Amino acid sequence: MNLGSFAPLGVGLCLAASLTACAQPAAGPALPDWLSQRIAVFERAPADAEAVEILALPHAGGTAYLFVAPCCDQFNVLYDAQGRRLCAPSGGLTGRGDGRCEPPPVLSSARPVWRQKATGASAPARP
């Protein structure tokens, strides 16, 4: 067998692999372990789970994570970077949260970290 005939194929595969690698989006900042573990649980949970979306946002000089509840009468809970519950800035019966966020987080600069896959249910209420 003449291995020289496979050389163009090998070069083509290497070139395709390098182009594919370049086309991949840059990885975002690594998520804390506690958050990755919670997301893994949410991935296996039913549609009425504790959260249907998680947003990262700047808060008190660091990053906080807002767990968006599946419905409007539930609190949207904010956790600090270590996984400690801070407050609920929105949601609940009044839509204004639990009143414990001082100052309230800036939701306009939030970025999505995780979102429950669509199951045909209605979209969650935005915070």
N, C-alpha and C. Protein backbone atom coordinates (compact mmCIF):
# COMPACT_ATOMS: atom_id res chain seq x y z
N MET A 1 0.85 -1.18 0.00
CA MET A 1 0.00 0.00 0.00
C MET A 1 0.89 1.23 0.00
N ASN A 2 0.57 2.18 -0.83
CA ASN A 2 1.34 3.41 -0.95
C ASN A 2 0.75 4.45 0.00
N LEU A 3 1.44 4.76 1.09
CA LEU A 3 0.95 5.73 2.06
C LEU A 3 0.96 7.15 1.53
N GLY A 4 1.72 7.39 0.50
CA GLY A 4 1.79 8.72 -0.09
C GLY A 4 0.45 9.16 -0.65
N SER A 5 -0.40 8.22 -1.06
CA SER A 5 -1.70 8.58 -1.61
C SER A 5 -2.65 9.10 -0.54
N PHE A 6 -2.37 8.83 0.73
CA PHE A 6 -3.21 9.31 1.82
C PHE A 6 -2.78 10.69 2.34
N ALA A 7 -1.64 11.16 1.90
CA ALA A 7 -1.10 12.43 2.39
C ALA A 7 -2.06 13.59 2.13
N PRO A 8 -2.64 13.75 0.92
CA PRO A 8 -3.57 14.86 0.71
C PRO A 8 -4.78 14.80 1.64
N LEU A 9 -5.26 13.58 1.90
CA LEU A 9 -6.39 13.42 2.80
C LEU A 9 -6.00 13.88 4.21
N GLY A 10 -4.83 13.48 4.66
CA GLY A 10 -4.36 13.87 5.99
C GLY A 10 -4.21 15.37 6.11
N VAL A 11 -3.64 16.01 5.09
CA VAL A 11 -3.48 17.46 5.10
C VAL A 11 -4.84 18.14 5.11
N GLY A 12 -5.77 17.62 4.32
CA GLY A 12 -7.12 18.18 4.27
C GLY A 12 -7.83 18.07 5.60
N LEU A 13 -7.70 16.92 6.28
CA LEU A 13 -8.32 16.76 7.59
C LEU A 13 -7.71 17.69 8.62
N CYS A 14 -6.39 17.84 8.57
CA CYS A 14 -5.73 18.76 9.51
C CYS A 14 -6.18 20.19 9.28
N LEU A 15 -6.28 20.59 8.03
CA LEU A 15 -6.72 21.94 7.71
C LEU A 15 -8.16 22.16 8.16
N ALA A 16 -9.04 21.18 7.89
CA ALA A 16 -10.44 21.30 8.32
C ALA A 16 -10.54 21.39 9.83
N ALA A 17 -9.76 20.59 10.54
CA ALA A 17 -9.78 20.62 12.00
C ALA A 17 -9.32 21.96 12.53
N SER A 18 -8.28 22.52 11.91
CA SER A 18 -7.79 23.81 12.41
C SER A 18 -8.79 24.92 12.12
N LEU A 19 -9.49 24.87 10.98
CA LEU A 19 -10.50 25.88 10.68
C LEU A 19 -11.69 25.75 11.62
N THR A 20 -12.07 24.53 11.93
CA THR A 20 -13.17 24.31 12.86
C THR A 20 -12.82 24.86 14.23
N ALA A 21 -11.60 24.63 14.66
CA ALA A 21 -11.18 25.13 15.97
C ALA A 21 -11.22 26.65 16.01
N CYS A 22 -10.86 27.28 14.92
CA CYS A 22 -10.88 28.74 14.88
C CYS A 22 -12.30 29.28 14.89
N ALA A 23 -13.26 28.51 14.35
CA ALA A 23 -14.62 28.99 14.26
C ALA A 23 -15.38 28.87 15.58
N GLN A 24 -14.85 28.12 16.55
CA GLN A 24 -15.53 27.96 17.83
C GLN A 24 -15.52 29.27 18.60
N PRO A 25 -16.61 29.60 19.28
CA PRO A 25 -16.63 30.83 20.07
C PRO A 25 -15.68 30.70 21.25
N ALA A 26 -15.16 31.82 21.68
CA ALA A 26 -14.27 31.82 22.84
C ALA A 26 -15.06 31.41 24.06
N ALA A 27 -14.45 30.62 24.90
CA ALA A 27 -15.12 30.19 26.13
C ALA A 27 -15.29 31.36 27.08
N GLY A 28 -16.45 31.42 27.70
CA GLY A 28 -16.71 32.47 28.69
C GLY A 28 -16.01 32.14 29.99
N PRO A 29 -16.18 33.00 30.97
CA PRO A 29 -15.54 32.73 32.25
C PRO A 29 -16.10 31.45 32.86
N ALA A 30 -15.23 30.73 33.53
CA ALA A 30 -15.64 29.46 34.14
C ALA A 30 -16.68 29.73 35.23
N LEU A 31 -17.66 28.84 35.31
CA LEU A 31 -18.69 28.96 36.33
C LEU A 31 -18.18 28.36 37.64
N PRO A 32 -18.60 28.90 38.77
CA PRO A 32 -18.23 28.29 40.04
C PRO A 32 -18.76 26.85 40.12
N ASP A 33 -18.05 26.00 40.86
CA ASP A 33 -18.45 24.59 40.98
C ASP A 33 -19.88 24.43 41.48
N TRP A 34 -20.26 25.21 42.50
CA TRP A 34 -21.61 25.07 43.05
C TRP A 34 -22.67 25.34 41.98
N LEU A 35 -22.39 26.31 41.08
CA LEU A 35 -23.35 26.67 40.04
C LEU A 35 -23.41 25.58 38.96
N SER A 36 -22.28 25.05 38.59
CA SER A 36 -22.26 23.95 37.61
C SER A 36 -23.04 22.75 38.13
N GLN A 37 -22.90 22.48 39.42
CA GLN A 37 -23.63 21.36 40.02
C GLN A 37 -25.14 21.62 40.02
N ARG A 38 -25.54 22.84 40.34
CA ARG A 38 -26.98 23.18 40.33
C ARG A 38 -27.55 23.08 38.93
N ILE A 39 -26.79 23.54 37.94
CA ILE A 39 -27.24 23.46 36.55
C ILE A 39 -27.43 22.01 36.15
N ALA A 40 -26.52 21.14 36.55
CA ALA A 40 -26.65 19.71 36.24
C ALA A 40 -27.94 19.15 36.83
N VAL A 41 -28.30 19.57 38.03
CA VAL A 41 -29.56 19.13 38.64
C VAL A 41 -30.74 19.67 37.85
N PHE A 42 -30.69 20.95 37.46
CA PHE A 42 -31.78 21.55 36.70
C PHE A 42 -31.96 20.86 35.34
N GLU A 43 -30.87 20.42 34.74
CA GLU A 43 -30.95 19.75 33.44
C GLU A 43 -31.78 18.46 33.53
N ARG A 44 -31.79 17.84 34.70
CA ARG A 44 -32.53 16.59 34.89
C ARG A 44 -33.91 16.81 35.51
N ALA A 45 -34.22 18.03 35.91
CA ALA A 45 -35.45 18.33 36.64
C ALA A 45 -36.63 18.51 35.69
N PRO A 46 -37.85 18.35 36.20
CA PRO A 46 -39.03 18.61 35.37
C PRO A 46 -39.17 20.11 35.08
N ALA A 47 -40.08 20.43 34.20
CA ALA A 47 -40.25 21.81 33.75
C ALA A 47 -40.63 22.77 34.88
N ASP A 48 -41.20 22.27 35.96
CA ASP A 48 -41.59 23.16 37.06
C ASP A 48 -40.49 23.27 38.13
N ALA A 49 -39.26 23.15 37.70
CA ALA A 49 -38.11 23.20 38.60
C ALA A 49 -37.98 24.57 39.26
N GLU A 50 -37.02 24.67 40.15
CA GLU A 50 -36.75 25.89 40.90
C GLU A 50 -36.39 27.07 40.00
N ALA A 51 -35.71 26.80 38.90
CA ALA A 51 -35.30 27.88 38.00
C ALA A 51 -35.40 27.41 36.55
N VAL A 52 -35.71 28.33 35.66
CA VAL A 52 -35.75 28.02 34.24
C VAL A 52 -34.69 28.82 33.47
N GLU A 53 -34.04 29.73 34.17
CA GLU A 53 -32.98 30.53 33.56
C GLU A 53 -32.07 31.04 34.67
N ILE A 54 -30.78 31.14 34.37
CA ILE A 54 -29.83 31.71 35.31
C ILE A 54 -29.08 32.82 34.57
N LEU A 55 -29.04 34.00 35.20
CA LEU A 55 -28.36 35.16 34.64
C LEU A 55 -27.19 35.54 35.54
N ALA A 56 -26.07 35.91 34.94
CA ALA A 56 -24.93 36.44 35.68
C ALA A 56 -24.99 37.95 35.56
N LEU A 57 -24.75 38.65 36.67
CA LEU A 57 -24.78 40.10 36.63
C LEU A 57 -23.83 40.68 37.67
N PRO A 58 -23.34 41.88 37.39
CA PRO A 58 -22.47 42.52 38.38
C PRO A 58 -23.29 42.95 39.59
N HIS A 59 -22.72 42.70 40.77
CA HIS A 59 -23.42 43.08 42.00
C HIS A 59 -22.40 43.20 43.12
N ALA A 60 -22.40 44.33 43.80
CA ALA A 60 -21.55 44.57 44.96
C ALA A 60 -20.07 44.29 44.66
N GLY A 61 -19.60 44.71 43.50
CA GLY A 61 -18.20 44.56 43.15
C GLY A 61 -17.80 43.18 42.67
N GLY A 62 -18.74 42.29 42.49
CA GLY A 62 -18.45 40.93 42.02
C GLY A 62 -19.51 40.46 41.06
N THR A 63 -19.62 39.16 40.93
CA THR A 63 -20.63 38.57 40.07
C THR A 63 -21.66 37.88 40.93
N ALA A 64 -22.91 38.09 40.60
CA ALA A 64 -24.01 37.41 41.28
C ALA A 64 -24.79 36.66 40.21
N TYR A 65 -25.59 35.70 40.67
CA TYR A 65 -26.35 34.86 39.76
C TYR A 65 -27.82 34.90 40.14
N LEU A 66 -28.65 35.29 39.18
CA LEU A 66 -30.08 35.39 39.39
C LEU A 66 -30.75 34.15 38.83
N PHE A 67 -31.45 33.42 39.69
CA PHE A 67 -32.19 32.24 39.29
C PHE A 67 -33.62 32.70 39.00
N VAL A 68 -34.01 32.66 37.73
CA VAL A 68 -35.33 33.12 37.30
C VAL A 68 -36.32 31.96 37.47
N ALA A 69 -37.35 32.22 38.26
CA ALA A 69 -38.36 31.20 38.57
C ALA A 69 -39.24 30.92 37.36
N PRO A 70 -39.87 29.75 37.34
CA PRO A 70 -40.71 29.39 36.19
C PRO A 70 -42.02 30.16 36.10
N CYS A 71 -42.42 30.83 37.17
CA CYS A 71 -43.68 31.57 37.10
C CYS A 71 -43.60 32.86 37.89
N CYS A 72 -44.53 33.70 37.63
CA CYS A 72 -44.58 35.06 38.13
C CYS A 72 -44.78 35.20 39.64
N ASP A 73 -45.41 34.24 40.31
CA ASP A 73 -45.66 34.40 41.74
C ASP A 73 -44.56 33.81 42.62
N GLN A 74 -43.46 33.38 42.00
CA GLN A 74 -42.32 32.85 42.74
C GLN A 74 -41.19 33.87 42.71
N PHE A 75 -40.38 33.86 43.76
CA PHE A 75 -39.25 34.78 43.82
C PHE A 75 -38.17 34.39 42.81
N ASN A 76 -37.52 35.39 42.23
CA ASN A 76 -36.31 35.22 41.43
C ASN A 76 -35.16 35.49 42.40
N VAL A 77 -34.40 34.44 42.73
CA VAL A 77 -33.43 34.51 43.82
C VAL A 77 -32.04 34.84 43.30
N LEU A 78 -31.37 35.75 44.02
CA LEU A 78 -30.02 36.19 43.69
C LEU A 78 -29.02 35.53 44.64
N TYR A 79 -27.98 34.91 44.06
CA TYR A 79 -26.92 34.26 44.83
C TYR A 79 -25.60 34.96 44.55
N ASP A 80 -24.72 35.01 45.55
CA ASP A 80 -23.40 35.59 45.32
C ASP A 80 -22.50 34.55 44.64
N ALA A 81 -21.26 34.92 44.36
CA ALA A 81 -20.33 34.06 43.63
C ALA A 81 -19.99 32.78 44.40
N GLN A 82 -20.20 32.77 45.72
CA GLN A 82 -19.93 31.59 46.53
C GLN A 82 -21.16 30.71 46.72
N GLY A 83 -22.30 31.13 46.18
CA GLY A 83 -23.52 30.33 46.26
C GLY A 83 -24.40 30.66 47.46
N ARG A 84 -24.11 31.75 48.14
CA ARG A 84 -24.95 32.16 49.27
C ARG A 84 -26.15 32.95 48.75
N ARG A 85 -27.33 32.64 49.27
CA ARG A 85 -28.54 33.36 48.89
C ARG A 85 -28.46 34.77 49.44
N LEU A 86 -28.59 35.75 48.56
CA LEU A 86 -28.55 37.15 48.98
C LEU A 86 -29.94 37.72 49.22
N CYS A 87 -30.80 37.57 48.22
CA CYS A 87 -32.13 38.16 48.30
C CYS A 87 -32.92 37.74 47.06
N ALA A 88 -34.13 38.25 46.97
CA ALA A 88 -34.96 38.04 45.78
C ALA A 88 -35.34 39.43 45.26
N PRO A 89 -34.65 39.92 44.23
CA PRO A 89 -34.91 41.28 43.74
C PRO A 89 -36.22 41.44 42.99
N SER A 90 -36.81 40.33 42.54
CA SER A 90 -38.06 40.42 41.78
C SER A 90 -38.85 39.14 41.97
N GLY A 91 -40.06 39.16 41.43
CA GLY A 91 -40.95 38.01 41.55
C GLY A 91 -41.77 38.07 42.81
N GLY A 92 -42.43 36.98 43.13
CA GLY A 92 -43.33 36.95 44.28
C GLY A 92 -44.69 37.52 43.90
N LEU A 93 -45.58 37.56 44.87
CA LEU A 93 -46.94 38.02 44.59
C LEU A 93 -47.00 39.46 44.11
N THR A 94 -46.12 40.32 44.61
CA THR A 94 -46.13 41.73 44.21
C THR A 94 -45.27 41.99 42.99
N GLY A 95 -44.37 41.06 42.66
CA GLY A 95 -43.43 41.26 41.55
C GLY A 95 -42.20 42.05 41.97
N ARG A 96 -42.16 42.50 43.21
CA ARG A 96 -41.05 43.34 43.68
C ARG A 96 -40.04 42.57 44.54
N GLY A 97 -40.16 41.27 44.58
CA GLY A 97 -39.20 40.47 45.34
C GLY A 97 -39.46 40.50 46.83
N ASP A 98 -38.41 40.20 47.59
CA ASP A 98 -38.56 40.12 49.05
C ASP A 98 -38.16 41.40 49.77
N GLY A 99 -37.72 42.42 49.03
CA GLY A 99 -37.35 43.71 49.64
C GLY A 99 -36.02 43.71 50.36
N ARG A 100 -35.21 42.68 50.20
CA ARG A 100 -33.93 42.58 50.92
C ARG A 100 -32.72 42.94 50.08
N CYS A 101 -32.90 43.29 48.82
CA CYS A 101 -31.76 43.64 47.97
C CYS A 101 -31.41 45.11 48.16
N GLU A 102 -30.26 45.35 48.70
CA GLU A 102 -29.78 46.73 48.90
C GLU A 102 -28.39 46.87 48.35
N PRO A 103 -28.12 47.65 47.35
CA PRO A 103 -29.07 48.18 46.37
C PRO A 103 -29.52 47.08 45.41
N PRO A 104 -30.62 47.28 44.73
CA PRO A 104 -31.07 46.26 43.78
C PRO A 104 -30.04 46.06 42.68
N PRO A 105 -29.89 44.85 42.18
CA PRO A 105 -28.93 44.59 41.11
C PRO A 105 -29.36 45.27 39.81
N VAL A 106 -28.37 45.54 38.97
CA VAL A 106 -28.62 46.15 37.67
C VAL A 106 -28.89 45.03 36.67
N LEU A 107 -30.15 44.82 36.36
CA LEU A 107 -30.54 43.71 35.49
C LEU A 107 -30.23 43.96 34.02
N SER A 108 -30.06 45.22 33.63
CA SER A 108 -29.80 45.52 32.23
C SER A 108 -28.45 44.99 31.76
N SER A 109 -27.52 44.74 32.68
CA SER A 109 -26.21 44.23 32.29
C SER A 109 -26.08 42.72 32.53
N ALA A 110 -27.20 42.04 32.75
CA ALA A 110 -27.18 40.60 32.99
C ALA A 110 -26.89 39.86 31.69
N ARG A 111 -26.19 38.74 31.82
CA ARG A 111 -25.93 37.88 30.66
C ARG A 111 -26.41 36.46 31.00
N PRO A 112 -27.02 35.79 30.05
CA PRO A 112 -27.52 34.44 30.32
C PRO A 112 -26.37 33.46 30.54
N VAL A 113 -26.53 32.60 31.54
CA VAL A 113 -25.56 31.56 31.84
C VAL A 113 -26.15 30.20 31.48
N TRP A 114 -27.45 30.03 31.73
CA TRP A 114 -28.13 28.77 31.45
C TRP A 114 -29.61 29.07 31.24
N ARG A 115 -30.23 28.29 30.37
CA ARG A 115 -31.67 28.39 30.15
C ARG A 115 -32.22 26.99 29.93
N GLN A 116 -33.33 26.71 30.58
CA GLN A 116 -33.98 25.41 30.42
C GLN A 116 -34.37 25.23 28.97
N LYS A 117 -34.16 24.04 28.46
CA LYS A 117 -34.55 23.75 27.08
C LYS A 117 -36.07 23.89 26.96
N ALA A 118 -36.51 24.40 25.83
CA ALA A 118 -37.95 24.60 25.60
C ALA A 118 -38.68 23.27 25.65
N THR A 119 -39.78 23.28 26.38
CA THR A 119 -40.60 22.07 26.49
C THR A 119 -42.02 22.32 26.01
N GLY A 120 -42.23 23.45 25.34
CA GLY A 120 -43.57 23.78 24.89
C GLY A 120 -44.33 24.61 25.90
N ALA A 121 -43.74 24.82 27.07
CA ALA A 121 -44.40 25.63 28.10
C ALA A 121 -44.20 27.11 27.78
N SER A 122 -44.95 27.95 28.45
CA SER A 122 -44.81 29.38 28.23
C SER A 122 -43.48 29.86 28.78
N ALA A 123 -43.02 30.98 28.27
CA ALA A 123 -41.73 31.54 28.67
C ALA A 123 -41.82 32.05 30.12
N PRO A 124 -40.68 32.04 30.82
CA PRO A 124 -40.70 32.53 32.21
C PRO A 124 -40.92 34.04 32.25
N ALA A 125 -41.45 34.49 33.34
CA ALA A 125 -41.61 35.93 33.52
C ALA A 125 -40.23 36.54 33.71
N ARG A 126 -39.94 37.59 33.00
CA ARG A 126 -38.63 38.24 33.10
C ARG A 126 -38.56 39.04 34.39
N PRO A 127 -37.41 39.05 35.03
CA PRO A 127 -37.25 39.80 36.28
C PRO A 127 -37.35 41.30 36.06
